[in-house]
Each structure stands twice: as C-alpha cells, then as structure tokens.
C-alpha cells in the first residue's frame, strides 16, 4: 500500500473489497466512489477481467464475479 493509495498487491479480491468497504465507511464514500477506489486498486490483469465481466455492474456484483474467478 502506498501513502493515500490502496493497491491490491498480494491481497485477495475479498481482502481488497473488505478493506475498501471499511475505508469507505470511515470516509463516508458514496457507492460510486467505492467502486472507483476498488477499480483503481486492481492490477492491470484484474482490471481487464473487471472490464470483460461488465464494468458497469454495481460493486457488490462485480466483486462477487471477480471473487469467483479468483477461487478457480
């Protein structure tokens, strides 16, 4: 994690999602801000998967689909 920026790094999709939600609650982020922070934290391969799945899905649905891919 860099100062002020969340990066997925070696976190699982689940860990990243929960971290974004926790920080979002503390910072009072709106749903669209949470989604943007989540997408910004993904590495390029994961971001490409998110775009393939449906970049316009609500964050909880996008998270679930990425999580399922990670479990394979």
Protein backbone atom coordinates (compact mmCIF):
# COMPACT_ATOMS: atom_id res chain seq x y z
CA UNK A 1 0.00 0.00 0.00
CA UNK A 2 1.31 3.39 -0.95
CA UNK A 3 0.55 6.52 1.02
CA UNK A 4 -3.01 7.57 0.23
CA UNK A 5 -3.45 4.85 -2.40
CA UNK A 6 -4.76 1.34 -2.00
CA UNK A 7 -3.21 -1.27 -4.26
CA UNK A 8 -4.26 -4.92 -4.48
CA UNK A 9 -0.70 -6.21 -4.28
CA UNK A 10 -0.82 -9.65 -2.68
CA UNK A 11 -4.28 -9.14 -1.14
CA UNK A 12 -7.07 -11.40 -2.32
CA UNK A 13 -10.06 -9.86 -4.05
CA UNK A 14 -12.04 -10.47 -0.85
CA UNK A 15 -9.44 -8.73 1.33
CA UNK A 16 -9.28 -5.77 -1.05
CA UNK A 17 -13.07 -5.46 -1.20
CA UNK A 18 -13.42 -5.55 2.59
CA UNK A 19 -10.62 -3.01 3.01
CA UNK A 20 -12.25 -0.64 0.50
CA UNK A 21 -15.60 -1.01 2.30
CA UNK A 22 -14.02 -0.34 5.70
CA UNK A 23 -12.18 2.74 4.49
CA UNK A 24 -15.28 3.86 2.62
CA UNK A 25 -17.40 3.72 5.76
CA UNK A 26 -14.82 5.74 7.68
CA UNK A 27 -14.53 8.31 4.90
CA UNK A 28 -18.26 8.35 4.05
CA UNK A 29 -17.67 7.43 0.40
CA UNK A 30 -20.66 7.24 -1.89
CA UNK A 31 -21.21 3.93 -3.78
CA UNK A 32 -19.68 5.30 -6.99
CA UNK A 33 -16.58 6.43 -5.06
CA UNK A 34 -16.22 2.96 -3.52
CA UNK A 35 -16.47 1.40 -6.95
CA UNK A 36 -13.84 3.76 -8.38
CA UNK A 37 -11.46 3.09 -5.47
CA UNK A 38 -11.91 -0.66 -5.94
CA UNK A 39 -11.21 -0.48 -9.67
CA UNK A 40 -8.25 1.85 -9.15
CA UNK A 41 -6.71 -0.64 -6.71
CA UNK A 42 -6.80 -3.56 -9.16
CA UNK A 43 -3.72 -4.60 -11.08
CA UNK A 44 -4.00 -4.45 -14.87
CA UNK A 45 -4.90 -8.15 -15.36
CA UNK A 46 -7.69 -7.88 -12.78
CA UNK A 47 -8.88 -4.58 -14.22
CA UNK A 48 -9.12 -6.21 -17.65
CA UNK A 49 -11.17 -9.05 -16.13
CA UNK A 50 -13.46 -6.49 -14.47
CA UNK A 51 -13.96 -4.74 -17.81
CA UNK A 52 -14.70 -8.07 -19.54
CA UNK A 53 -17.24 -9.03 -16.86
CA UNK A 54 -19.09 -5.77 -17.04
CA UNK A 55 -17.52 -2.60 -15.84
CA UNK A 56 -20.96 -1.10 -15.26
CA UNK A 57 -22.08 -3.69 -12.71
CA UNK A 58 -22.68 -2.45 -9.17
CA UNK A 59 -19.63 -3.03 -6.97
CA UNK A 60 -21.10 -5.91 -4.92
CA UNK A 61 -21.92 -7.86 -8.11
CA UNK A 62 -18.56 -7.10 -9.71
CA UNK A 63 -16.78 -8.16 -6.53
CA UNK A 64 -18.68 -11.47 -6.42
CA UNK A 65 -17.79 -12.29 -10.02
CA UNK A 66 -14.10 -11.43 -9.55
CA UNK A 67 -14.04 -13.43 -6.31
CA UNK A 68 -15.46 -16.47 -8.12
CA UNK A 69 -12.74 -16.16 -10.78
CA UNK A 70 -10.05 -15.93 -8.12
CA UNK A 71 -11.30 -19.11 -6.44
CA UNK A 72 -10.90 -21.17 -9.64
